[in-house]
N, C-alpha and C. Protein backbone atom coordinates (compact mmCIF):
# COMPACT_ATOMS: atom_id res chain seq x y z
N UNK A 1 -16.98 20.91 31.29
CA UNK A 1 -15.90 20.51 32.16
C UNK A 1 -15.04 19.48 31.44
N UNK A 2 -13.72 19.67 31.50
CA UNK A 2 -12.79 18.82 30.77
C UNK A 2 -12.73 17.40 31.31
N UNK A 3 -12.74 17.25 32.62
CA UNK A 3 -12.61 15.93 33.22
C UNK A 3 -13.96 15.40 33.70
N UNK A 4 -14.96 15.61 32.94
CA UNK A 4 -16.29 15.10 33.26
C UNK A 4 -16.26 13.58 33.06
N UNK A 5 -16.95 12.87 33.94
CA UNK A 5 -16.97 11.41 33.86
C UNK A 5 -17.54 10.95 32.53
N UNK A 6 -18.52 11.66 32.00
CA UNK A 6 -19.11 11.28 30.72
C UNK A 6 -18.09 11.42 29.58
N UNK A 7 -17.29 12.49 29.60
CA UNK A 7 -16.26 12.67 28.58
C UNK A 7 -15.18 11.60 28.70
N UNK A 8 -14.75 11.33 29.91
CA UNK A 8 -13.72 10.31 30.12
C UNK A 8 -14.26 8.93 29.74
N UNK A 9 -15.51 8.67 30.05
CA UNK A 9 -16.13 7.41 29.67
C UNK A 9 -16.16 7.26 28.15
N UNK A 10 -16.44 8.34 27.44
CA UNK A 10 -16.45 8.30 25.98
C UNK A 10 -15.04 8.07 25.43
N UNK A 11 -14.04 8.70 26.05
CA UNK A 11 -12.65 8.49 25.62
C UNK A 11 -12.25 7.03 25.85
N UNK A 12 -12.62 6.48 27.00
CA UNK A 12 -12.30 5.08 27.30
C UNK A 12 -12.97 4.15 26.30
N UNK A 13 -14.23 4.45 25.96
CA UNK A 13 -14.95 3.62 24.99
C UNK A 13 -14.31 3.72 23.61
N UNK A 14 -13.89 4.91 23.21
CA UNK A 14 -13.21 5.07 21.91
C UNK A 14 -11.89 4.31 21.89
N UNK A 15 -11.12 4.39 22.97
CA UNK A 15 -9.86 3.62 23.05
C UNK A 15 -10.14 2.13 22.96
N UNK A 16 -11.18 1.68 23.63
CA UNK A 16 -11.53 0.26 23.62
C UNK A 16 -11.92 -0.20 22.23
N UNK A 17 -12.74 0.57 21.55
CA UNK A 17 -13.18 0.19 20.20
C UNK A 17 -12.02 0.24 19.22
N UNK A 18 -11.20 1.30 19.30
CA UNK A 18 -10.04 1.43 18.43
C UNK A 18 -9.05 0.28 18.67
N UNK A 19 -8.74 0.03 19.94
CA UNK A 19 -7.81 -1.05 20.27
C UNK A 19 -8.33 -2.41 19.82
N UNK A 20 -9.63 -2.63 19.99
CA UNK A 20 -10.22 -3.91 19.57
C UNK A 20 -10.17 -4.07 18.06
N UNK A 21 -10.46 -2.99 17.33
CA UNK A 21 -10.44 -3.06 15.87
C UNK A 21 -9.03 -3.33 15.36
N UNK A 22 -8.05 -2.61 15.87
CA UNK A 22 -6.66 -2.81 15.45
C UNK A 22 -6.19 -4.22 15.82
N UNK A 23 -6.55 -4.66 17.01
CA UNK A 23 -6.15 -5.98 17.48
C UNK A 23 -6.72 -7.07 16.56
N UNK A 24 -7.98 -6.99 16.24
CA UNK A 24 -8.62 -8.01 15.39
C UNK A 24 -8.04 -7.97 13.98
N UNK A 25 -7.89 -6.78 13.43
CA UNK A 25 -7.36 -6.66 12.06
C UNK A 25 -5.92 -7.17 12.00
N UNK A 26 -5.09 -6.74 12.94
CA UNK A 26 -3.68 -7.16 12.93
C UNK A 26 -3.52 -8.64 13.22
N UNK A 27 -4.39 -9.18 14.04
CA UNK A 27 -4.32 -10.61 14.34
C UNK A 27 -4.75 -11.44 13.14
N UNK A 28 -5.69 -10.93 12.34
CA UNK A 28 -6.16 -11.67 11.16
C UNK A 28 -5.25 -11.50 9.95
N UNK A 29 -4.32 -10.54 9.96
CA UNK A 29 -3.45 -10.34 8.80
C UNK A 29 -2.64 -11.57 8.41
N UNK A 30 -2.10 -12.34 9.35
CA UNK A 30 -1.33 -13.52 8.92
C UNK A 30 -2.18 -14.59 8.23
N UNK A 31 -3.50 -14.54 8.36
CA UNK A 31 -4.35 -15.50 7.68
C UNK A 31 -4.23 -15.22 6.19
N UNK A 32 -3.95 -16.24 5.40
CA UNK A 32 -3.66 -16.05 3.99
C UNK A 32 -4.94 -15.78 3.20
N UNK A 33 -5.10 -14.52 2.82
CA UNK A 33 -6.20 -14.13 1.96
C UNK A 33 -5.68 -13.82 0.56
N UNK A 34 -4.48 -14.34 0.24
CA UNK A 34 -3.88 -14.07 -1.05
C UNK A 34 -3.12 -12.76 -1.06
N UNK A 35 -2.87 -12.19 0.08
CA UNK A 35 -2.20 -10.91 0.18
C UNK A 35 -0.81 -11.10 0.75
N UNK A 36 0.06 -10.18 0.42
CA UNK A 36 1.42 -10.22 0.95
C UNK A 36 1.61 -9.16 2.02
N UNK A 37 0.54 -8.63 2.58
CA UNK A 37 0.63 -7.57 3.58
C UNK A 37 1.07 -8.16 4.91
N UNK A 38 2.12 -7.62 5.46
CA UNK A 38 2.61 -8.02 6.76
C UNK A 38 3.45 -6.89 7.31
N UNK A 39 3.78 -6.96 8.56
CA UNK A 39 4.62 -5.93 9.13
C UNK A 39 4.42 -5.82 10.61
N UNK A 40 5.46 -5.41 11.27
CA UNK A 40 5.42 -5.23 12.71
C UNK A 40 6.70 -4.53 13.10
N UNK A 41 6.75 -4.01 14.28
CA UNK A 41 7.97 -3.44 14.77
C UNK A 41 8.17 -3.95 16.18
N UNK A 42 9.42 -4.06 16.55
CA UNK A 42 9.76 -4.53 17.88
C UNK A 42 10.85 -3.64 18.44
N UNK A 43 10.60 -3.07 19.60
CA UNK A 43 11.55 -2.17 20.22
C UNK A 43 12.72 -2.95 20.80
N UNK A 44 12.48 -4.16 21.26
CA UNK A 44 13.52 -4.96 21.90
C UNK A 44 14.26 -5.78 20.85
N UNK A 45 14.78 -5.12 19.82
CA UNK A 45 15.39 -5.82 18.69
C UNK A 45 16.69 -6.52 19.05
N UNK A 46 17.40 -6.06 20.08
CA UNK A 46 18.68 -6.68 20.42
C UNK A 46 18.51 -7.99 21.15
N UNK A 47 17.35 -8.28 21.62
CA UNK A 47 17.10 -9.50 22.38
C UNK A 47 17.07 -10.69 21.44
N UNK A 48 17.67 -11.78 21.87
CA UNK A 48 17.63 -12.98 21.04
C UNK A 48 16.46 -13.87 21.40
N UNK A 49 15.68 -13.48 22.39
CA UNK A 49 14.51 -14.26 22.74
C UNK A 49 13.34 -13.84 21.88
N UNK A 50 12.25 -14.56 21.99
CA UNK A 50 11.07 -14.27 21.19
C UNK A 50 10.08 -13.37 21.92
N UNK A 51 10.45 -12.82 23.05
CA UNK A 51 9.54 -12.00 23.82
C UNK A 51 9.68 -10.56 23.37
N UNK A 52 8.69 -10.06 22.63
CA UNK A 52 8.69 -8.69 22.15
C UNK A 52 7.49 -7.97 22.75
N UNK A 53 7.77 -7.03 23.66
CA UNK A 53 6.70 -6.37 24.38
C UNK A 53 5.98 -5.33 23.54
N UNK A 54 6.70 -4.57 22.75
CA UNK A 54 6.09 -3.46 22.03
C UNK A 54 5.84 -3.81 20.57
N UNK A 55 4.90 -4.70 20.33
CA UNK A 55 4.46 -4.99 18.97
C UNK A 55 3.13 -4.28 18.76
N UNK A 56 2.69 -4.21 17.54
CA UNK A 56 1.41 -3.56 17.25
C UNK A 56 0.28 -4.26 17.99
N UNK A 57 0.31 -5.60 18.02
CA UNK A 57 -0.75 -6.34 18.69
C UNK A 57 -0.75 -6.10 20.19
N UNK A 58 0.43 -6.04 20.81
CA UNK A 58 0.45 -5.85 22.26
C UNK A 58 0.03 -4.44 22.64
N UNK A 59 0.37 -3.45 21.84
CA UNK A 59 -0.08 -2.09 22.11
C UNK A 59 -1.59 -2.00 21.91
N UNK A 60 -2.09 -2.65 20.88
CA UNK A 60 -3.54 -2.69 20.68
C UNK A 60 -4.22 -3.42 21.84
N UNK A 61 -3.58 -4.48 22.35
CA UNK A 61 -4.13 -5.19 23.51
C UNK A 61 -4.17 -4.27 24.72
N UNK A 62 -3.16 -3.41 24.88
CA UNK A 62 -3.16 -2.44 25.98
C UNK A 62 -4.36 -1.51 25.88
N UNK A 63 -4.56 -0.90 24.70
CA UNK A 63 -5.69 0.01 24.54
C UNK A 63 -7.02 -0.71 24.67
N UNK A 64 -7.09 -1.92 24.15
CA UNK A 64 -8.32 -2.68 24.23
C UNK A 64 -8.66 -3.00 25.70
N UNK A 65 -7.71 -3.55 26.43
CA UNK A 65 -7.97 -3.93 27.83
C UNK A 65 -8.21 -2.71 28.71
N UNK A 66 -7.35 -1.71 28.60
CA UNK A 66 -7.52 -0.55 29.46
C UNK A 66 -8.79 0.21 29.12
N UNK A 67 -9.12 0.30 27.85
CA UNK A 67 -10.34 1.01 27.46
C UNK A 67 -11.60 0.32 27.95
N UNK A 68 -11.71 -0.98 27.72
CA UNK A 68 -12.92 -1.69 28.14
C UNK A 68 -13.05 -1.72 29.66
N UNK A 69 -11.96 -1.96 30.37
CA UNK A 69 -12.03 -2.02 31.84
C UNK A 69 -12.34 -0.65 32.41
N UNK A 70 -11.69 0.40 31.91
CA UNK A 70 -11.98 1.76 32.40
C UNK A 70 -13.43 2.12 32.15
N UNK A 71 -13.91 1.84 30.95
CA UNK A 71 -15.31 2.13 30.61
C UNK A 71 -16.27 1.37 31.52
N UNK A 72 -15.96 0.08 31.75
CA UNK A 72 -16.82 -0.71 32.62
C UNK A 72 -16.81 -0.17 34.05
N UNK A 73 -15.64 0.21 34.55
CA UNK A 73 -15.55 0.76 35.91
C UNK A 73 -16.31 2.07 36.04
N UNK A 74 -16.25 2.91 35.02
CA UNK A 74 -16.94 4.19 35.08
C UNK A 74 -18.45 4.04 34.91
N UNK A 75 -18.85 3.28 33.91
CA UNK A 75 -20.27 3.22 33.55
C UNK A 75 -21.08 2.22 34.38
N UNK A 76 -20.52 1.07 34.62
CA UNK A 76 -21.31 0.02 35.25
C UNK A 76 -21.03 -0.14 36.75
N UNK A 77 -19.78 -0.01 37.13
CA UNK A 77 -19.44 -0.18 38.54
C UNK A 77 -19.50 1.14 39.31
N UNK A 78 -19.59 2.25 38.57
CA UNK A 78 -19.71 3.60 39.15
C UNK A 78 -18.54 3.95 40.07
N UNK A 79 -17.33 3.49 39.70
CA UNK A 79 -16.15 3.88 40.45
C UNK A 79 -15.79 5.31 40.09
N UNK A 80 -14.94 5.90 40.88
CA UNK A 80 -14.48 7.25 40.60
C UNK A 80 -13.52 7.27 39.43
N UNK A 81 -13.22 8.48 38.96
CA UNK A 81 -12.38 8.66 37.80
C UNK A 81 -10.96 8.14 38.02
N UNK A 82 -10.35 8.48 39.13
CA UNK A 82 -8.98 8.05 39.41
C UNK A 82 -8.88 6.54 39.57
N UNK A 83 -9.80 5.95 40.31
CA UNK A 83 -9.78 4.50 40.51
C UNK A 83 -10.01 3.76 39.21
N UNK A 84 -10.94 4.25 38.40
CA UNK A 84 -11.22 3.62 37.10
C UNK A 84 -10.01 3.69 36.18
N UNK A 85 -9.35 4.86 36.17
CA UNK A 85 -8.16 5.02 35.33
C UNK A 85 -7.03 4.11 35.81
N UNK A 86 -6.85 4.01 37.12
CA UNK A 86 -5.80 3.17 37.68
C UNK A 86 -6.06 1.68 37.38
N UNK A 87 -7.29 1.25 37.57
CA UNK A 87 -7.65 -0.15 37.27
C UNK A 87 -7.48 -0.42 35.77
N UNK A 88 -7.93 0.52 34.93
CA UNK A 88 -7.78 0.37 33.48
C UNK A 88 -6.33 0.30 33.06
N UNK A 89 -5.50 1.14 33.65
CA UNK A 89 -4.07 1.13 33.35
C UNK A 89 -3.43 -0.20 33.74
N UNK A 90 -3.79 -0.68 34.92
CA UNK A 90 -3.25 -1.97 35.39
C UNK A 90 -3.67 -3.11 34.48
N UNK A 91 -4.93 -3.15 34.09
CA UNK A 91 -5.39 -4.22 33.20
C UNK A 91 -4.79 -4.07 31.80
N UNK A 92 -4.57 -2.84 31.35
CA UNK A 92 -3.94 -2.62 30.04
C UNK A 92 -2.52 -3.15 30.00
N UNK A 93 -1.76 -2.83 31.05
CA UNK A 93 -0.37 -3.32 31.12
C UNK A 93 -0.36 -4.84 31.24
N UNK A 94 -1.26 -5.38 32.05
CA UNK A 94 -1.35 -6.84 32.20
C UNK A 94 -1.72 -7.49 30.87
N UNK A 95 -2.66 -6.90 30.14
CA UNK A 95 -3.05 -7.45 28.84
C UNK A 95 -1.91 -7.41 27.84
N UNK A 96 -1.14 -6.33 27.87
CA UNK A 96 0.00 -6.19 26.96
C UNK A 96 1.06 -7.26 27.27
N UNK A 97 1.38 -7.43 28.55
CA UNK A 97 2.36 -8.45 28.93
C UNK A 97 1.84 -9.86 28.63
N UNK A 98 0.56 -10.10 28.90
CA UNK A 98 -0.01 -11.42 28.64
C UNK A 98 0.05 -11.75 27.16
N UNK A 99 -0.31 -10.80 26.31
CA UNK A 99 -0.28 -11.07 24.87
C UNK A 99 1.15 -11.32 24.40
N UNK A 100 2.11 -10.49 24.86
CA UNK A 100 3.50 -10.68 24.45
C UNK A 100 4.02 -12.04 24.93
N UNK A 101 3.65 -12.42 26.14
CA UNK A 101 4.10 -13.72 26.67
C UNK A 101 3.49 -14.87 25.86
N UNK A 102 2.19 -14.78 25.54
CA UNK A 102 1.54 -15.83 24.75
C UNK A 102 2.19 -15.98 23.38
N UNK A 103 2.48 -14.87 22.73
CA UNK A 103 3.12 -14.93 21.42
C UNK A 103 4.51 -15.56 21.53
N UNK A 104 5.25 -15.22 22.60
CA UNK A 104 6.57 -15.84 22.76
C UNK A 104 6.45 -17.35 22.96
N UNK A 105 5.40 -17.80 23.65
CA UNK A 105 5.20 -19.23 23.84
C UNK A 105 4.83 -19.91 22.52
N UNK A 106 4.00 -19.25 21.70
CA UNK A 106 3.66 -19.81 20.39
C UNK A 106 4.88 -19.88 19.49
N UNK A 107 5.76 -18.88 19.55
CA UNK A 107 6.95 -18.89 18.71
C UNK A 107 7.91 -20.00 19.11
N UNK A 108 7.91 -20.38 20.38
CA UNK A 108 8.74 -21.50 20.80
C UNK A 108 8.29 -22.79 20.14
N UNK A 109 6.99 -22.91 19.87
CA UNK A 109 6.48 -24.10 19.20
C UNK A 109 6.92 -24.17 17.74
N UNK A 110 7.17 -23.01 17.13
CA UNK A 110 7.57 -22.96 15.73
C UNK A 110 9.03 -23.34 15.53
N UNK A 111 9.85 -23.17 16.53
CA UNK A 111 11.28 -23.36 16.37
C UNK A 111 11.60 -24.80 15.99
N UNK A 112 12.38 -24.91 14.95
CA UNK A 112 12.80 -26.23 14.47
C UNK A 112 14.22 -26.46 14.97
N UNK A 113 14.43 -27.62 15.55
CA UNK A 113 15.76 -27.91 16.05
C UNK A 113 16.71 -28.12 14.88
N UNK A 114 17.97 -27.95 15.13
CA UNK A 114 18.98 -28.18 14.11
C UNK A 114 19.32 -29.66 14.10
N UNK A 115 18.73 -30.40 13.19
CA UNK A 115 19.03 -31.83 13.16
C UNK A 115 20.43 -32.08 12.60
N UNK A 116 21.04 -33.11 13.09
CA UNK A 116 22.36 -33.50 12.63
C UNK A 116 22.22 -34.63 11.62
N UNK A 117 23.04 -34.60 10.59
CA UNK A 117 22.99 -35.65 9.59
C UNK A 117 23.29 -37.02 10.18
N UNK A 118 24.03 -37.05 11.28
CA UNK A 118 24.36 -38.33 11.91
C UNK A 118 23.10 -39.07 12.37
N UNK A 119 22.01 -38.36 12.57
CA UNK A 119 20.75 -38.99 12.97
C UNK A 119 20.21 -39.91 11.87
N UNK A 120 20.70 -39.77 10.65
CA UNK A 120 20.23 -40.58 9.53
C UNK A 120 20.85 -41.98 9.49
N UNK A 121 21.94 -42.18 10.21
CA UNK A 121 22.62 -43.47 10.15
C UNK A 121 21.67 -44.58 10.59
N UNK A 122 21.53 -45.59 9.74
CA UNK A 122 20.65 -46.71 10.02
C UNK A 122 19.25 -46.53 9.45
N UNK A 123 18.89 -45.33 9.03
CA UNK A 123 17.55 -45.09 8.47
C UNK A 123 17.50 -45.55 7.02
N UNK A 124 16.28 -45.86 6.60
CA UNK A 124 16.08 -46.31 5.22
C UNK A 124 15.25 -45.28 4.46
N UNK A 125 15.43 -45.30 3.16
CA UNK A 125 14.69 -44.40 2.28
C UNK A 125 14.67 -44.98 0.89
N UNK A 126 14.55 -44.11 -0.11
CA UNK A 126 14.52 -44.54 -1.51
C UNK A 126 15.53 -43.72 -2.30
N UNK A 127 16.12 -44.38 -3.30
CA UNK A 127 16.99 -43.66 -4.22
C UNK A 127 16.09 -42.79 -5.09
N UNK A 128 16.45 -41.55 -5.22
CA UNK A 128 15.65 -40.62 -6.03
C UNK A 128 16.12 -40.66 -7.48
N UNK A 129 17.38 -41.02 -7.66
CA UNK A 129 17.99 -41.11 -8.98
C UNK A 129 18.84 -42.37 -9.02
N UNK A 130 19.33 -42.72 -10.21
CA UNK A 130 20.24 -43.86 -10.34
C UNK A 130 21.61 -43.49 -9.76
N UNK A 131 22.18 -44.44 -9.02
CA UNK A 131 23.51 -44.28 -8.46
C UNK A 131 24.46 -45.23 -9.17
N UNK A 132 25.53 -44.72 -9.72
CA UNK A 132 26.60 -45.58 -10.24
C UNK A 132 27.37 -46.11 -9.04
N UNK A 133 28.10 -47.21 -9.19
CA UNK A 133 28.93 -47.67 -8.07
C UNK A 133 29.88 -46.55 -7.63
N UNK A 134 29.91 -46.29 -6.35
CA UNK A 134 30.72 -45.22 -5.74
C UNK A 134 30.36 -43.83 -6.28
N UNK A 135 29.19 -43.72 -6.95
CA UNK A 135 28.76 -42.45 -7.51
C UNK A 135 27.84 -41.69 -6.56
N UNK A 136 27.53 -40.48 -6.93
CA UNK A 136 26.65 -39.67 -6.09
C UNK A 136 25.38 -39.30 -6.85
N UNK A 137 24.32 -39.12 -6.10
CA UNK A 137 23.03 -38.70 -6.65
C UNK A 137 22.16 -38.26 -5.47
N UNK A 138 20.86 -38.36 -5.63
CA UNK A 138 19.95 -37.90 -4.57
C UNK A 138 19.11 -39.06 -4.04
N UNK A 139 18.76 -38.92 -2.74
CA UNK A 139 17.89 -39.88 -2.08
C UNK A 139 16.71 -39.14 -1.47
N UNK A 140 15.65 -39.88 -1.22
CA UNK A 140 14.52 -39.35 -0.45
C UNK A 140 14.45 -40.13 0.84
N UNK A 141 14.44 -39.39 1.95
CA UNK A 141 14.46 -40.01 3.26
C UNK A 141 13.76 -39.09 4.24
N UNK A 142 13.16 -39.69 5.26
CA UNK A 142 12.51 -38.88 6.28
C UNK A 142 13.58 -38.28 7.17
N UNK A 143 13.62 -36.95 7.18
CA UNK A 143 14.63 -36.22 7.94
C UNK A 143 13.99 -34.96 8.50
N UNK A 144 14.16 -34.74 9.78
CA UNK A 144 13.60 -33.57 10.45
C UNK A 144 12.07 -33.57 10.34
N UNK A 145 11.48 -34.73 10.52
CA UNK A 145 10.03 -34.93 10.53
C UNK A 145 9.35 -34.61 9.21
N UNK A 146 10.10 -34.71 8.12
CA UNK A 146 9.49 -34.53 6.80
C UNK A 146 10.28 -35.33 5.78
N UNK A 147 9.66 -35.63 4.67
CA UNK A 147 10.34 -36.34 3.59
C UNK A 147 11.24 -35.34 2.87
N UNK A 148 12.53 -35.62 2.85
CA UNK A 148 13.49 -34.67 2.30
C UNK A 148 14.30 -35.33 1.20
N UNK A 149 14.73 -34.55 0.24
CA UNK A 149 15.59 -35.01 -0.84
C UNK A 149 17.00 -34.50 -0.56
N UNK A 150 17.93 -35.43 -0.39
CA UNK A 150 19.30 -35.07 0.00
C UNK A 150 20.32 -35.70 -0.95
N UNK A 151 21.48 -35.07 -1.03
CA UNK A 151 22.58 -35.63 -1.80
C UNK A 151 23.19 -36.79 -1.02
N UNK A 152 23.61 -37.83 -1.74
CA UNK A 152 24.22 -38.98 -1.08
C UNK A 152 25.24 -39.63 -2.03
N UNK A 153 26.08 -40.47 -1.45
CA UNK A 153 27.11 -41.18 -2.20
C UNK A 153 26.90 -42.68 -2.00
N UNK A 154 26.94 -43.42 -3.11
CA UNK A 154 26.82 -44.88 -3.06
C UNK A 154 28.12 -45.44 -2.49
N UNK A 155 28.04 -46.11 -1.37
CA UNK A 155 29.23 -46.63 -0.69
C UNK A 155 29.51 -48.09 -1.07
N UNK A 156 28.84 -48.56 -2.12
CA UNK A 156 29.05 -49.96 -2.52
C UNK A 156 29.52 -50.02 -3.97
N UNK A 157 29.85 -51.23 -4.38
CA UNK A 157 30.31 -51.44 -5.75
C UNK A 157 29.18 -51.87 -6.68
N UNK A 158 27.95 -51.81 -6.21
CA UNK A 158 26.83 -52.18 -7.07
C UNK A 158 25.98 -50.96 -7.40
N UNK A 159 25.37 -51.00 -8.57
CA UNK A 159 24.52 -49.89 -9.01
C UNK A 159 23.21 -49.90 -8.23
N UNK A 160 22.72 -48.72 -7.89
CA UNK A 160 21.42 -48.57 -7.23
C UNK A 160 20.53 -47.80 -8.19
N UNK A 161 19.42 -48.41 -8.54
CA UNK A 161 18.48 -47.79 -9.47
C UNK A 161 17.53 -46.85 -8.72
N UNK A 162 16.96 -45.92 -9.45
CA UNK A 162 15.99 -44.99 -8.87
C UNK A 162 14.83 -45.78 -8.27
N UNK A 163 14.38 -45.36 -7.14
CA UNK A 163 13.26 -45.93 -6.37
C UNK A 163 13.59 -47.24 -5.67
N UNK A 164 14.86 -47.68 -5.75
CA UNK A 164 15.29 -48.82 -4.94
C UNK A 164 15.39 -48.36 -3.48
N UNK A 165 15.18 -49.32 -2.57
CA UNK A 165 15.35 -49.00 -1.16
C UNK A 165 16.84 -48.82 -0.86
N UNK A 166 17.13 -47.88 0.00
CA UNK A 166 18.51 -47.61 0.39
C UNK A 166 18.59 -47.56 1.91
N UNK A 167 19.82 -47.67 2.40
CA UNK A 167 20.07 -47.56 3.84
C UNK A 167 21.30 -46.68 4.03
N UNK A 168 21.20 -45.75 4.97
CA UNK A 168 22.33 -44.87 5.27
C UNK A 168 23.28 -45.64 6.18
N UNK A 169 24.56 -45.73 5.76
CA UNK A 169 25.52 -46.49 6.55
C UNK A 169 26.50 -45.61 7.32
N UNK A 170 26.77 -44.42 6.79
CA UNK A 170 27.64 -43.51 7.54
C UNK A 170 27.47 -42.09 7.03
N UNK A 171 27.93 -41.16 7.85
CA UNK A 171 27.96 -39.75 7.49
C UNK A 171 29.37 -39.27 7.82
N UNK A 172 30.03 -38.72 6.81
CA UNK A 172 31.41 -38.28 6.99
C UNK A 172 31.58 -36.95 6.26
N UNK A 173 32.08 -35.95 6.96
CA UNK A 173 32.28 -34.61 6.38
C UNK A 173 31.01 -34.08 5.71
N UNK A 174 29.90 -34.25 6.41
CA UNK A 174 28.58 -33.81 5.93
C UNK A 174 28.16 -34.48 4.62
N UNK A 175 28.71 -35.63 4.33
CA UNK A 175 28.30 -36.42 3.18
C UNK A 175 27.60 -37.67 3.68
N UNK A 176 26.51 -38.01 3.02
CA UNK A 176 25.72 -39.19 3.40
C UNK A 176 26.16 -40.35 2.50
N UNK A 177 26.49 -41.47 3.12
CA UNK A 177 26.89 -42.66 2.38
C UNK A 177 25.81 -43.71 2.53
N UNK A 178 25.42 -44.31 1.40
CA UNK A 178 24.32 -45.29 1.41
C UNK A 178 24.74 -46.59 0.75
N UNK A 179 23.95 -47.61 1.03
CA UNK A 179 24.06 -48.89 0.32
C UNK A 179 22.64 -49.30 -0.07
N UNK A 180 22.56 -50.27 -0.94
CA UNK A 180 21.25 -50.76 -1.36
C UNK A 180 20.59 -51.44 -0.17
N UNK A 181 19.32 -51.09 0.07
CA UNK A 181 18.59 -51.62 1.22
C UNK A 181 17.88 -52.91 0.89
N UNK A 182 17.18 -53.44 1.88
CA UNK A 182 16.45 -54.71 1.73
C UNK A 182 15.19 -54.53 0.94
């Protein structure tokens, strides 16, 4: 018989094992094992948000959730075929949406704000190179929550040596102007 509960239970178990294997493998791929293997596809490519429903992981989550729940309903709870399939389908869709939503929340944590150079006014750092009076060179300063090396212009008439403390006094036309710090 084609729709025998034992056959359907085996299909559900195979979907669960396949979905679990793909889910675990695809989830572990971003872990750096010295490989450059990566890849995914997203059907909602026109969206500017980070919510992508049809990724490999979310489809694997669908098969994993629906397979395990359907198998459990058939084998352990002894529900009928239609009820088990319906419950499995509902849990599969819920698992797919839950995974896509969780990934979108994690991606929000990755987003770096666009810092403005004006935020540097008043901050101190170090000259990375020697600055001639009114000359330009590079400075090291904490910017965007990391130590960054940026181009700057000496706004004073005195020379600033490498590794001297500096202070940002103004930002004009995306140029950073500094003076010798304390």
